Amino acid sequence: MTMIAGFPDGLLPPGTHAAIRRIRAAYVDLLPEEERKAIANAIPRRAAEFATGRQLARELLAGAGIACRVIEVGESRMPIWPADVVGSISHAGGICAVAVSASGLTALGLDTDSAEELPRDLWCLVGSVEEIAAVQDQMGLDTASQAAKVLFSIKEAVFKCWFPVGRQLLEFSDVVVTRAMGGAPAFHAKVRGAPYLDSASGGVRVAVHNATVFSAAWRY
């Protein structure tokens, strides 16, 4: 069961181990008993997503020299990573993406989503007209509807990066995304009006690859 096309270049910070794999139900049979309990009542699709993510995460950790038999489920269903490790798991469109790091990051968030346009009547739920315009310009996208979908993915990655530190769930209106310079299309993020991810404290990057949006957010 091999990995498929990798992450776009420059999306993740140095020292991050990441990969993408197609979701397979066969991975459920490989789960240790502790993890199997977490999906005892899950529908088959959800069980396959969970199992693929855990299997891929274990392989990435092993590649980083970190042995890990069990990745349990913590608060708000977030994975409990080994000490001094941060990571994130995302599923979309039949694929699973995982990123892990033991290189001094304090938080890491990863999101994958289809690159389909977001209907205009949903834009107001995701962000402001100014945010959407900034994403469209920074990414060179054809339509604001594409930019709105990318903004949705960016904020999902920021949510995942925030929670281990902030310990609170965020609304889309709690995060404001602005343009940044450097590397892959890069952004800054404020949380509830305060700078949270910028060039000094971390990073937010995004790419559209093979009809999929990949967004990453991390904090030092």
Protein backbone atom coordinates (compact mmCIF):
# COMPACT_ATOMS: atom_id res chain seq x y z
CA MET A 1 0.00 0.00 0.00
CA THR A 2 2.08 2.86 -1.28
CA MET A 3 1.86 6.56 -0.80
CA ILE A 4 0.47 8.77 -3.55
CA ALA A 5 1.58 12.18 -4.79
CA GLY A 6 3.42 14.05 -2.05
CA PHE A 7 2.91 17.42 -0.50
CA PRO A 8 3.56 20.50 -2.63
CA ASP A 9 7.09 21.81 -2.18
CA GLY A 10 7.55 24.43 0.53
CA LEU A 11 4.22 23.83 2.23
CA LEU A 12 5.64 22.56 5.55
CA PRO A 13 8.47 23.82 7.79
CA PRO A 14 11.89 22.08 7.86
CA GLY A 15 12.01 18.95 9.99
CA THR A 16 8.41 17.97 9.27
CA HIS A 17 7.68 14.42 8.09
CA ALA A 18 4.57 14.24 5.94
CA ALA A 19 2.83 11.97 3.46
CA ILE A 20 -0.46 11.30 1.71
CA ARG A 21 -2.13 7.93 1.28
CA ARG A 22 -5.38 6.64 -0.12
CA ILE A 23 -7.86 5.63 2.57
CA ARG A 24 -8.12 1.86 2.88
CA ALA A 25 -10.48 -0.17 5.08
CA ALA A 26 -7.79 -2.85 5.39
CA TYR A 27 -5.92 -0.65 7.89
CA VAL A 28 -8.69 -1.20 10.45
CA ASP A 29 -7.39 -4.72 11.00
CA LEU A 30 -3.95 -3.32 11.89
CA LEU A 31 -5.18 -1.09 14.71
CA PRO A 32 -4.07 -1.92 18.26
CA GLU A 33 -6.92 -2.66 20.64
CA GLU A 34 -6.66 0.75 22.36
CA GLU A 35 -7.30 2.55 19.08
CA ARG A 36 -9.95 0.11 17.90
CA LYS A 37 -12.10 1.10 20.87
CA ALA A 38 -12.21 4.67 19.58
CA ILE A 39 -14.09 3.58 16.44
CA ALA A 40 -16.24 0.85 17.98
CA ASN A 41 -19.42 2.63 16.88
CA ALA A 42 -18.07 4.37 13.78
CA ILE A 43 -19.48 3.89 10.30
CA PRO A 44 -17.14 2.01 7.92
CA ARG A 45 -15.99 5.14 6.10
CA ARG A 46 -15.04 6.90 9.33
CA ALA A 47 -13.31 3.77 10.64
CA ALA A 48 -11.24 3.52 7.46
CA GLU A 49 -10.26 7.20 7.69
CA PHE A 50 -9.22 6.83 11.32
CA ALA A 51 -7.23 3.66 10.71
CA THR A 52 -5.43 5.00 7.65
CA GLY A 53 -4.43 8.14 9.53
CA ARG A 54 -3.10 6.23 12.52
CA GLN A 55 -1.16 3.76 10.36
CA LEU A 56 0.42 6.52 8.28
CA ALA A 57 1.25 8.55 11.39
CA ARG A 58 3.03 5.57 12.97
CA GLU A 59 5.09 5.05 9.82
CA LEU A 60 6.08 8.72 9.69
CA LEU A 61 7.06 8.69 13.37
CA ALA A 62 9.14 5.56 12.79
CA GLY A 63 10.86 7.33 9.91
CA ALA A 64 11.74 10.11 12.35
CA GLY A 65 13.18 7.55 14.77
CA ILE A 66 10.22 7.65 17.16
CA ALA A 67 8.57 4.37 18.15
CA CYS A 68 4.86 4.73 18.83
CA ARG A 69 2.47 1.80 19.21
CA VAL A 70 -0.69 3.72 20.13
CA ILE A 71 -1.95 7.20 19.20
CA GLU A 72 -4.93 7.63 21.46
CA VAL A 73 -7.83 10.05 21.07
CA GLY A 74 -7.73 13.12 23.28
CA GLU A 75 -9.84 16.19 23.93
CA SER A 76 -12.11 17.16 21.02
CA ARG A 77 -10.98 14.01 19.19
CA MET A 78 -7.45 15.36 18.71
CA PRO A 79 -4.66 12.74 18.49
CA ILE A 80 -2.40 12.37 21.55
CA TRP A 81 1.13 12.46 20.15
CA PRO A 82 4.31 11.19 21.84
CA ALA A 83 6.19 13.62 24.08
CA ASP A 84 7.93 16.45 22.19
CA VAL A 85 6.03 15.61 18.99
CA VAL A 86 3.35 17.66 17.27
CA GLY A 87 1.25 16.44 14.39
CA SER A 88 -1.97 16.67 12.45
CA ILE A 89 -4.17 14.32 10.43
CA SER A 90 -6.64 15.32 7.72
CA HIS A 91 -9.00 13.44 5.37
CA ALA A 92 -10.68 14.57 2.16
CA GLY A 93 -11.72 13.07 -1.14
CA GLY A 94 -10.59 9.55 -0.35
CA ILE A 95 -7.10 10.54 0.79
CA CYS A 96 -5.47 10.91 4.18
CA ALA A 97 -2.70 13.44 4.83
CA VAL A 98 -0.49 13.36 7.92
CA ALA A 99 2.29 15.64 9.14
CA VAL A 100 4.43 15.17 12.26
CA SER A 101 7.38 17.08 13.67
CA ALA A 102 9.82 16.68 16.56
CA SER A 103 11.80 19.77 15.56
CA GLY A 104 10.74 22.25 18.22
CA LEU A 105 7.29 23.26 16.99
CA THR A 106 4.67 23.78 19.70
CA ALA A 107 1.67 23.19 17.41
CA LEU A 108 0.96 22.00 13.89
CA GLY A 109 -2.28 22.05 11.93
CA LEU A 110 -2.97 20.44 8.56
CA ASP A 111 -6.10 20.58 6.42
CA THR A 112 -7.00 19.03 3.08
CA ASP A 113 -10.14 19.75 1.11
CA SER A 114 -11.44 19.61 -2.42
CA ALA A 115 -10.67 22.65 -4.55
CA GLU A 116 -14.29 23.02 -5.62
CA GLU A 117 -15.69 26.53 -5.43
CA LEU A 118 -17.59 27.62 -2.34
CA PRO A 119 -21.13 28.87 -3.11
CA ARG A 120 -21.44 32.62 -2.69
CA ASP A 121 -24.14 32.36 -0.03
CA LEU A 122 -21.62 30.63 2.25
CA TRP A 123 -18.82 33.18 1.91
CA CYS A 124 -20.05 35.23 4.87
CA LEU A 125 -19.75 32.18 7.14
CA VAL A 126 -16.05 31.74 6.32
CA GLY A 127 -14.60 35.24 6.23
CA SER A 128 -14.77 38.80 5.03
CA VAL A 129 -14.70 40.12 1.47
CA GLU A 130 -11.25 41.53 2.25
CA GLU A 131 -9.92 38.14 3.36
CA ILE A 132 -11.28 36.42 0.26
CA ALA A 133 -9.76 39.10 -1.97
CA ALA A 134 -6.39 38.73 -0.24
CA VAL A 135 -6.40 34.96 -0.79
CA GLN A 136 -7.46 35.34 -4.43
CA ASP A 137 -4.67 37.82 -5.10
CA GLN A 138 -1.99 35.91 -3.20
CA MET A 139 -2.88 32.59 -4.84
CA GLY A 140 -3.60 33.97 -8.32
CA LEU A 141 -7.00 32.25 -8.38
CA ASP A 142 -9.52 32.83 -11.14
CA THR A 143 -12.59 33.39 -8.97
CA ALA A 144 -13.53 34.64 -5.53
CA SER A 145 -15.49 31.42 -5.02
CA GLN A 146 -12.25 29.43 -5.33
CA ALA A 147 -10.57 31.82 -2.90
CA ALA A 148 -13.40 31.41 -0.40
CA LYS A 149 -12.87 27.64 -0.40
CA VAL A 150 -9.13 28.09 0.11
CA LEU A 151 -9.83 30.51 2.97
CA PHE A 152 -12.05 27.85 4.55
CA SER A 153 -9.17 25.37 4.44
CA ILE A 154 -6.65 27.87 5.80
CA LYS A 155 -8.83 28.58 8.81
CA GLU A 156 -9.37 24.87 9.45
CA ALA A 157 -5.58 24.45 9.63
CA VAL A 158 -5.32 27.43 11.99
CA PHE A 159 -8.02 25.92 14.22
CA LYS A 160 -5.98 22.73 14.55
CA CYS A 161 -2.83 24.70 15.29
CA TRP A 162 -4.59 26.81 17.91
CA PHE A 163 -6.39 24.15 19.93
CA PRO A 164 -3.42 22.41 21.63
CA VAL A 165 -2.27 25.82 22.91
CA GLY A 166 -5.52 27.76 23.32
CA ARG A 167 -7.64 24.79 24.49
CA GLN A 168 -10.75 26.38 23.03
CA LEU A 169 -12.73 25.81 19.86
CA LEU A 170 -12.80 28.76 17.48
CA GLU A 171 -15.41 30.18 15.13
CA PHE A 172 -14.48 31.30 11.62
CA SER A 173 -15.04 34.90 12.75
CA ASP A 174 -12.39 34.46 15.47
CA VAL A 175 -9.62 34.15 12.86
CA VAL A 176 -8.57 36.86 10.41
CA VAL A 177 -6.22 35.90 7.56
CA THR A 178 -3.95 38.38 5.79
CA ARG A 179 -1.22 38.12 3.17
CA ALA A 180 2.43 37.43 3.99
CA MET A 181 5.63 37.14 1.99
CA GLY A 182 7.92 34.18 1.40
CA GLY A 183 7.94 30.57 0.19
CA ALA A 184 4.76 28.96 -1.04
CA PRO A 185 1.72 31.31 -0.93
CA ALA A 186 1.97 32.45 2.68
CA PHE A 187 -0.40 34.15 5.11
CA HIS A 188 -0.60 35.57 8.62
CA ALA A 189 -3.41 34.78 11.06
CA LYS A 190 -4.81 36.75 13.96
CA VAL A 191 -6.93 34.98 16.57
CA ARG A 192 -9.53 37.16 18.27
CA GLY A 193 -7.70 40.28 17.19
CA ALA A 194 -4.24 39.29 18.44
CA PRO A 195 -1.34 38.17 16.21
CA TYR A 196 -1.00 34.39 16.44
CA LEU A 197 0.77 33.05 13.34
CA ASP A 198 3.17 35.34 11.54
CA SER A 199 6.77 35.34 10.37
CA ALA A 200 8.03 35.65 13.97
CA SER A 201 5.81 33.10 15.68
CA GLY A 202 5.09 30.51 13.01
CA GLY A 203 3.58 30.29 9.57
CA VAL A 204 0.54 29.62 7.40
CA ARG A 205 0.98 28.27 3.89
CA VAL A 206 -1.38 26.84 1.31
CA ALA A 207 -1.23 25.17 -2.09
CA VAL A 208 -3.70 23.74 -4.60
CA HIS A 209 -2.43 20.45 -6.02
CA ASN A 210 -4.28 17.75 -7.99
CA ALA A 211 -7.68 19.42 -7.35
CA THR A 212 -7.01 19.41 -3.60
CA VAL A 213 -6.33 22.32 -1.26
CA PHE A 214 -3.50 21.70 1.23
CA SER A 215 -3.21 24.15 4.12
CA ALA A 216 -0.62 24.05 6.91
CA ALA A 217 -0.25 26.19 10.03
CA TRP A 218 2.45 25.89 12.65
CA ARG A 219 3.74 27.70 15.72
CA TYR A 220 7.24 27.70 17.20
